Amino acid sequence: MEPFVLRSAEVTLSVPTAVDVDRVAQVCADPEIAAWTVMPSPYVRADAESFVTRTVPTGWAEETMFTWAVRAPGSVDGPVLAMMGITRKMGAPGQEQAGEIGYWTAPDARGTGLTTAAARLAADWALDPEGLGLERLQWQAFVGNWPSRRVAWKLGFRFEGILRRYRPQRGVLRDSWMASLLPHDPREPSEPWPTEASQP
């Protein structure tokens, strides 16, 4: 599949290019991103170059992972403010398919609503029969990543529980939250925000 742009009044999603390598390296060196992702840590420029020039194009070409740089509205080549991805879990031809959404946000773009707007665009495309046509879109995050969970909550993802020792992070299995969104689910919170959350 050829990469394409997703747009709304709030945000633009376009594929990262070699011009973005330095910015990606800078952002992904942030300790908060290292704490909640499976990226290499420390994260260096060579990691960003490999991601932008090899991982991203391969995902699009093989139609397994669709990655966009999140930018300001109206700009397809402005600074990277976040990264958004949809990974398709491939199944046999003719079977219903599921996928997973993932994202990170640069420190200078957090708390702006930009990631939520970008995730809405990506999720709508992934679940649209005229888009990727998934029947289930799942979100997962390591337990304690409340900012990521809040984005999923705003989009209507339904919390399904804690998966114990589910996902490895640099050699350690960590507990993960899991939630899902189906094509006909409302794109708004489906349950109260957890009282134990560390942010309002």
C-alpha atoms as a PDB file:
ATOM      1  CA  MET A   1       0.000   0.000   0.000  1.00  0.00           C
ATOM      2  CA  GLU A   2       1.209   3.476  -0.826  1.00  0.00           C
ATOM      3  CA  PRO A   3       1.423   5.813   2.185  1.00  0.00           C
ATOM      4  CA  PHE A   4      -1.236   8.515   2.367  1.00  0.00           C
ATOM      5  CA  VAL A   5      -2.148  11.528   4.484  1.00  0.00           C
ATOM      6  CA  LEU A   6      -4.967  11.722   7.024  1.00  0.00           C
ATOM      7  CA  ARG A   7      -6.288  15.171   7.901  1.00  0.00           C
ATOM      8  CA  SER A   8      -8.746  16.899  10.190  1.00  0.00           C
ATOM      9  CA  ALA A   9      -9.195  20.461  11.391  1.00  0.00           C
ATOM     10  CA  GLU A  10      -7.092  19.599  14.451  1.00  0.00           C
ATOM     11  CA  VAL A  11      -4.189  17.618  13.054  1.00  0.00           C
ATOM     12  CA  THR A  12      -2.347  16.198  10.027  1.00  0.00           C
ATOM     13  CA  LEU A  13      -0.927  12.683   9.792  1.00  0.00           C
ATOM     14  CA  SER A  14       1.763  12.120   7.172  1.00  0.00           C
ATOM     15  CA  VAL A  15       4.450   9.485   6.835  1.00  0.00           C
ATOM     16  CA  PRO A  16       7.778  10.323   8.493  1.00  0.00           C
ATOM     17  CA  THR A  17      10.706  10.870   6.137  1.00  0.00           C
ATOM     18  CA  ALA A  18      14.467  11.159   6.394  1.00  0.00           C
ATOM     19  CA  VAL A  19      14.034  14.861   7.222  1.00  0.00           C
ATOM     20  CA  ASP A  20      12.372  13.803  10.492  1.00  0.00           C
ATOM     21  CA  VAL A  21      15.185  11.567  11.762  1.00  0.00           C
ATOM     22  CA  ASP A  22      16.834  14.134  14.045  1.00  0.00           C
ATOM     23  CA  ARG A  23      13.522  15.187  15.569  1.00  0.00           C
ATOM     24  CA  VAL A  24      12.479  11.568  16.169  1.00  0.00           C
ATOM     25  CA  ALA A  25      15.840  10.851  17.813  1.00  0.00           C
ATOM     26  CA  GLN A  26      15.479  13.903  20.029  1.00  0.00           C
ATOM     27  CA  VAL A  27      11.937  13.100  21.138  1.00  0.00           C
ATOM     28  CA  CYS A  28      12.510   9.383  21.704  1.00  0.00           C
ATOM     29  CA  ALA A  29      15.421  10.125  24.038  1.00  0.00           C
ATOM     30  CA  ASP A  30      12.812  11.493  26.478  1.00  0.00           C
ATOM     31  CA  PRO A  31      12.771   9.385  29.693  1.00  0.00           C
ATOM     32  CA  GLU A  32       8.959   9.227  29.714  1.00  0.00           C
ATOM     33  CA  ILE A  33       8.900   7.598  26.288  1.00  0.00           C
ATOM     34  CA  ALA A  34      11.567   5.126  27.358  1.00  0.00           C
ATOM     35  CA  ALA A  35       9.556   4.286  30.483  1.00  0.00           C
ATOM     36  CA  TRP A  36       6.373   3.325  28.631  1.00  0.00           C
ATOM     37  CA  THR A  37       7.528   1.868  25.307  1.00  0.00           C
ATOM     38  CA  VAL A  38       9.668  -1.013  24.078  1.00  0.00           C
ATOM     39  CA  MET A  39      12.008   1.269  22.149  1.00  0.00           C
ATOM     40  CA  PRO A  40      15.744   0.930  22.688  1.00  0.00           C
ATOM     41  CA  SER A  41      17.058   2.866  25.669  1.00  0.00           C
ATOM     42  CA  PRO A  42      19.201   4.842  25.369  1.00  0.00           C
ATOM     43  CA  TYR A  43      17.686   5.836  22.022  1.00  0.00           C
ATOM     44  CA  VAL A  44      20.219   7.171  19.521  1.00  0.00           C
ATOM     45  CA  ARG A  45      20.099   8.680  16.050  1.00  0.00           C
ATOM     46  CA  ALA A  46      20.824   5.322  14.380  1.00  0.00           C
ATOM     47  CA  ASP A  47      17.638   3.936  15.977  1.00  0.00           C
ATOM     48  CA  ALA A  48      15.597   6.807  14.548  1.00  0.00           C
ATOM     49  CA  GLU A  49      17.186   6.405  11.118  1.00  0.00           C
ATOM     50  CA  SER A  50      16.412   2.680  11.065  1.00  0.00           C
ATOM     51  CA  PHE A  51      12.820   3.319  12.141  1.00  0.00           C
ATOM     52  CA  VAL A  52      12.142   6.054   9.577  1.00  0.00           C
ATOM     53  CA  THR A  53      14.018   4.630   6.585  1.00  0.00           C
ATOM     54  CA  ARG A  54      13.431   0.892   7.068  1.00  0.00           C
ATOM     55  CA  THR A  55      10.728  -0.038   9.577  1.00  0.00           C
ATOM     56  CA  VAL A  56       8.132   2.481   8.393  1.00  0.00           C
ATOM     57  CA  PRO A  57       8.457   1.846   4.620  1.00  0.00           C
ATOM     58  CA  THR A  58       8.510  -1.929   5.134  1.00  0.00           C
ATOM     59  CA  GLY A  59       5.328  -1.797   7.196  1.00  0.00           C
ATOM     60  CA  TRP A  60       3.490   0.118   4.497  1.00  0.00           C
ATOM     61  CA  ALA A  61       4.826  -2.050   1.664  1.00  0.00           C
ATOM     62  CA  GLU A  62       3.860  -5.275   3.430  1.00  0.00           C
ATOM     63  CA  GLU A  63       0.586  -3.780   4.730  1.00  0.00           C
ATOM     64  CA  THR A  64       1.320  -4.932   8.252  1.00  0.00           C
ATOM     65  CA  MET A  65       2.105  -1.658  10.030  1.00  0.00           C
ATOM     66  CA  PHE A  66       0.864   1.800   9.055  1.00  0.00           C
ATOM     67  CA  THR A  67       2.819   4.626  10.681  1.00  0.00           C
ATOM     68  CA  TRP A  68       2.250   8.370  10.536  1.00  0.00           C
ATOM     69  CA  ALA A  69       4.051  11.369  11.955  1.00  0.00           C
ATOM     70  CA  VAL A  70       1.559  13.618  13.712  1.00  0.00           C
ATOM     71  CA  ARG A  71       1.921  17.254  12.716  1.00  0.00           C
ATOM     72  CA  ALA A  72       0.129  20.559  13.124  1.00  0.00           C
ATOM     73  CA  PRO A  73      -3.064  21.009  11.089  1.00  0.00           C
ATOM     74  CA  GLY A  74      -2.439  21.900   7.459  1.00  0.00           C
ATOM     75  CA  SER A  75       1.217  20.822   7.466  1.00  0.00           C
ATOM     76  CA  VAL A  76       2.459  17.580   5.891  1.00  0.00           C
ATOM     77  CA  ASP A  77       6.129  18.331   6.620  1.00  0.00           C
ATOM     78  CA  GLY A  78       6.115  20.342   9.839  1.00  0.00           C
ATOM     79  CA  PRO A  79       7.827  19.210  13.049  1.00  0.00           C
ATOM     80  CA  VAL A  80       6.892  15.769  14.363  1.00  0.00           C
ATOM     81  CA  LEU A  81       4.675  16.264  17.414  1.00  0.00           C
ATOM     82  CA  ALA A  82       3.724  12.621  17.952  1.00  0.00           C
ATOM     83  CA  MET A  83       3.811   9.258  16.193  1.00  0.00           C
ATOM     84  CA  MET A  84       0.748   7.158  15.422  1.00  0.00           C
ATOM     85  CA  GLY A  85       0.634   3.566  14.225  1.00  0.00           C
ATOM     86  CA  ILE A  86      -1.837   0.835  13.345  1.00  0.00           C
ATOM     87  CA  THR A  87      -0.494  -2.726  13.298  1.00  0.00           C
ATOM     88  CA  ARG A  88      -2.587  -5.316  11.514  1.00  0.00           C
ATOM     89  CA  LYS A  89      -2.673  -8.810  12.946  1.00  0.00           C
ATOM     90  CA  MET A  90      -2.779 -10.805   9.731  1.00  0.00           C
ATOM     91  CA  GLY A  91      -5.251 -13.695   9.425  1.00  0.00           C
ATOM     92  CA  ALA A  92      -6.237 -16.128   6.733  1.00  0.00           C
ATOM     93  CA  PRO A  93      -7.923 -14.647   3.646  1.00  0.00           C
ATOM     94  CA  GLY A  94     -11.623 -14.132   4.205  1.00  0.00           C
ATOM     95  CA  GLN A  95     -11.362 -14.102   7.997  1.00  0.00           C
ATOM     96  CA  GLU A  96     -12.171 -11.143  10.201  1.00  0.00           C
ATOM     97  CA  GLN A  97      -9.036  -9.285  11.196  1.00  0.00           C
ATOM     98  CA  ALA A  98      -7.929  -7.338  14.233  1.00  0.00           C
ATOM     99  CA  GLY A  99      -5.254  -4.752  14.810  1.00  0.00           C
ATOM    100  CA  GLU A 100      -3.601  -2.614  17.439  1.00  0.00           C
ATOM    101  CA  ILE A 101      -3.108   1.123  17.838  1.00  0.00           C
ATOM    102  CA  GLY A 102       0.015   2.634  19.331  1.00  0.00           C
ATOM    103  CA  TYR A 103       1.361   6.146  19.804  1.00  0.00           C
ATOM    104  CA  TRP A 104       3.808   8.405  21.571  1.00  0.00           C
ATOM    105  CA  THR A 105       3.780  12.167  22.041  1.00  0.00           C
ATOM    106  CA  ALA A 106       6.607  14.677  22.183  1.00  0.00           C
ATOM    107  CA  PRO A 107       6.966  16.522  25.495  1.00  0.00           C
ATOM    108  CA  ASP A 108       6.122  19.879  23.886  1.00  0.00           C
ATOM    109  CA  ALA A 109       2.827  18.519  22.486  1.00  0.00           C
ATOM    110  CA  ARG A 110       1.464  16.740  25.546  1.00  0.00           C
ATOM    111  CA  GLY A 111      -1.808  17.912  27.036  1.00  0.00           C
ATOM    112  CA  THR A 112      -2.925  19.646  23.835  1.00  0.00           C
ATOM    113  CA  GLY A 113      -5.473  17.091  22.607  1.00  0.00           C
ATOM    114  CA  LEU A 114      -3.391  16.509  19.494  1.00  0.00           C
ATOM    115  CA  THR A 115      -2.746  12.813  20.158  1.00  0.00           C
ATOM    116  CA  THR A 116      -6.438  12.173  20.773  1.00  0.00           C
ATOM    117  CA  ALA A 117      -7.344  13.874  17.480  1.00  0.00           C
ATOM    118  CA  ALA A 118      -4.689  11.857  15.651  1.00  0.00           C
ATOM    119  CA  ALA A 119      -5.766   8.579  17.244  1.00  0.00           C
ATOM    120  CA  ARG A 120      -9.361   9.265  16.252  1.00  0.00           C
ATOM    121  CA  LEU A 121      -8.348   9.681  12.608  1.00  0.00           C
ATOM    122  CA  ALA A 122      -6.249   6.519  12.621  1.00  0.00           C
ATOM    123  CA  ALA A 123      -8.854   4.437  14.461  1.00  0.00           C
ATOM    124  CA  ASP A 124     -11.674   5.557  12.177  1.00  0.00           C
ATOM    125  CA  TRP A 125      -9.640   4.580   9.111  1.00  0.00           C
ATOM    126  CA  ALA A 126      -8.630   1.219  10.611  1.00  0.00           C
ATOM    127  CA  LEU A 127     -12.228   0.254  11.436  1.00  0.00           C
ATOM    128  CA  ASP A 128     -13.856   1.652   8.295  1.00  0.00           C
ATOM    129  CA  PRO A 129     -14.835  -1.042   5.734  1.00  0.00           C
ATOM    130  CA  GLU A 130     -13.518   1.359   3.089  1.00  0.00           C
ATOM    131  CA  GLY A 131     -10.262   1.684   5.029  1.00  0.00           C
ATOM    132  CA  LEU A 132      -8.457  -1.217   6.666  1.00  0.00           C
ATOM    133  CA  GLY A 133     -11.727  -2.916   7.578  1.00  0.00           C
ATOM    134  CA  LEU A 134     -10.702  -4.282  10.962  1.00  0.00           C
ATOM    135  CA  GLU A 135     -13.334  -5.878  13.180  1.00  0.00           C
ATOM    136  CA  ARG A 136     -11.423  -5.168  16.390  1.00  0.00           C
ATOM    137  CA  LEU A 137      -8.890  -2.499  17.251  1.00  0.00           C
ATOM    138  CA  GLN A 138      -7.070  -3.056  20.503  1.00  0.00           C
ATOM    139  CA  TRP A 139      -5.015  -0.759  22.676  1.00  0.00           C
ATOM    140  CA  GLN A 140      -2.546  -1.874  25.267  1.00  0.00           C
ATOM    141  CA  ALA A 141      -0.177  -0.046  27.573  1.00  0.00           C
ATOM    142  CA  PHE A 142       1.952  -0.931  30.532  1.00  0.00           C
ATOM    143  CA  VAL A 143       0.025  -0.575  33.769  1.00  0.00           C
ATOM    144  CA  GLY A 144       0.417   2.970  35.063  1.00  0.00           C
ATOM    145  CA  ASN A 145       0.562   4.763  31.699  1.00  0.00           C
ATOM    146  CA  TRP A 146      -2.433   6.960  32.436  1.00  0.00           C
ATOM    147  CA  PRO A 147      -1.875   9.523  29.632  1.00  0.00           C
ATOM    148  CA  SER A 148      -2.047   6.763  27.012  1.00  0.00           C
ATOM    149  CA  ARG A 149      -5.065   5.219  28.697  1.00  0.00           C
ATOM    150  CA  ARG A 150      -6.844   8.584  28.750  1.00  0.00           C
ATOM    151  CA  VAL A 151      -6.488   8.930  24.958  1.00  0.00           C
ATOM    152  CA  ALA A 152      -7.987   5.461  24.460  1.00  0.00           C
ATOM    153  CA  TRP A 153     -10.748   6.214  26.981  1.00  0.00           C
ATOM    154  CA  LYS A 154     -11.732   9.419  25.166  1.00  0.00           C
ATOM    155  CA  LEU A 155     -12.100   7.449  21.913  1.00  0.00           C
ATOM    156  CA  GLY A 156     -14.464   4.903  23.462  1.00  0.00           C
ATOM    157  CA  PHE A 157     -12.085   1.982  23.937  1.00  0.00           C
ATOM    158  CA  ARG A 158     -13.594  -0.419  26.472  1.00  0.00           C
ATOM    159  CA  PHE A 159     -11.258  -1.550  29.210  1.00  0.00           C
ATOM    160  CA  GLU A 160     -10.913  -5.337  29.288  1.00  0.00           C
ATOM    161  CA  GLY A 161      -8.512  -5.867  32.143  1.00  0.00           C
ATOM    162  CA  ILE A 162      -4.916  -6.424  33.144  1.00  0.00           C
ATOM    163  CA  LEU A 163      -2.758  -8.992  31.351  1.00  0.00           C
ATOM    164  CA  ARG A 164      -0.190 -10.170  33.869  1.00  0.00           C
ATOM    165  CA  ARG A 165       3.418 -10.386  32.713  1.00  0.00           C
ATOM    166  CA  TYR A 166       2.140  -9.900  29.174  1.00  0.00           C
ATOM    167  CA  ARG A 167       4.657  -7.853  27.267  1.00  0.00           C
ATOM    168  CA  PRO A 168       8.454  -7.783  27.446  1.00  0.00           C
ATOM    169  CA  GLN A 169      10.237  -4.489  27.846  1.00  0.00           C
ATOM    170  CA  ARG A 170      13.993  -4.750  27.459  1.00  0.00           C
ATOM    171  CA  GLY A 171      14.095  -8.239  28.955  1.00  0.00           C
ATOM    172  CA  VAL A 172      11.452  -7.830  31.669  1.00  0.00           C
ATOM    173  CA  LEU A 173       7.840  -9.026  31.362  1.00  0.00           C
ATOM    174  CA  ARG A 174       5.459  -6.267  32.498  1.00  0.00           C
ATOM    175  CA  ASP A 175       1.763  -6.173  33.292  1.00  0.00           C
ATOM    176  CA  SER A 176      -0.330  -4.508  30.589  1.00  0.00           C
ATOM    177  CA  TRP A 177      -3.739  -2.927  30.331  1.00  0.00           C
ATOM    178  CA  MET A 178      -5.935  -4.011  27.421  1.00  0.00           C
ATOM    179  CA  ALA A 179      -8.926  -2.278  25.833  1.00  0.00           C
ATOM    180  CA  SER A 180     -10.752  -2.600  22.518  1.00  0.00           C
ATOM    181  CA  LEU A 181     -12.817  -0.629  20.055  1.00  0.00           C
ATOM    182  CA  LEU A 182     -15.213  -2.223  17.550  1.00  0.00           C
ATOM    183  CA  PRO A 183     -16.487  -0.625  14.328  1.00  0.00           C
ATOM    184  CA  HIS A 184     -19.892   0.397  15.656  1.00  0.00           C
ATOM    185  CA  ASP A 185     -18.780   1.514  19.118  1.00  0.00           C
ATOM    186  CA  PRO A 186     -19.420   5.220  19.836  1.00  0.00           C
ATOM    187  CA  ARG A 187     -16.237   7.290  19.643  1.00  0.00           C
ATOM    188  CA  GLU A 188     -16.741   8.701  23.132  1.00  0.00           C
ATOM    189  CA  PRO A 189     -16.105   7.437  26.677  1.00  0.00           C
ATOM    190  CA  SER A 190     -18.111   4.288  27.333  1.00  0.00           C
ATOM    191  CA  GLU A 191     -17.377   4.077  31.057  1.00  0.00           C
ATOM    192  CA  PRO A 192     -16.414   6.428  33.911  1.00  0.00           C
ATOM    193  CA  TRP A 193     -12.816   7.553  34.186  1.00  0.00           C
ATOM    194  CA  PRO A 194     -11.145   5.327  36.833  1.00  0.00           C
ATOM    195  CA  THR A 195     -11.100   6.807  40.319  1.00  0.00           C
ATOM    196  CA  GLU A 196      -7.581   5.474  40.860  1.00  0.00           C
ATOM    197  CA  ALA A 197      -6.203   7.463  37.919  1.00  0.00           C
ATOM    198  CA  SER A 198      -3.232   9.688  38.619  1.00  0.00           C
ATOM    199  CA  GLN A 199      -4.623  12.587  36.596  1.00  0.00           C
ATOM    200  CA  PRO A 200      -8.082  14.185  36.256  1.00  0.00           C
END
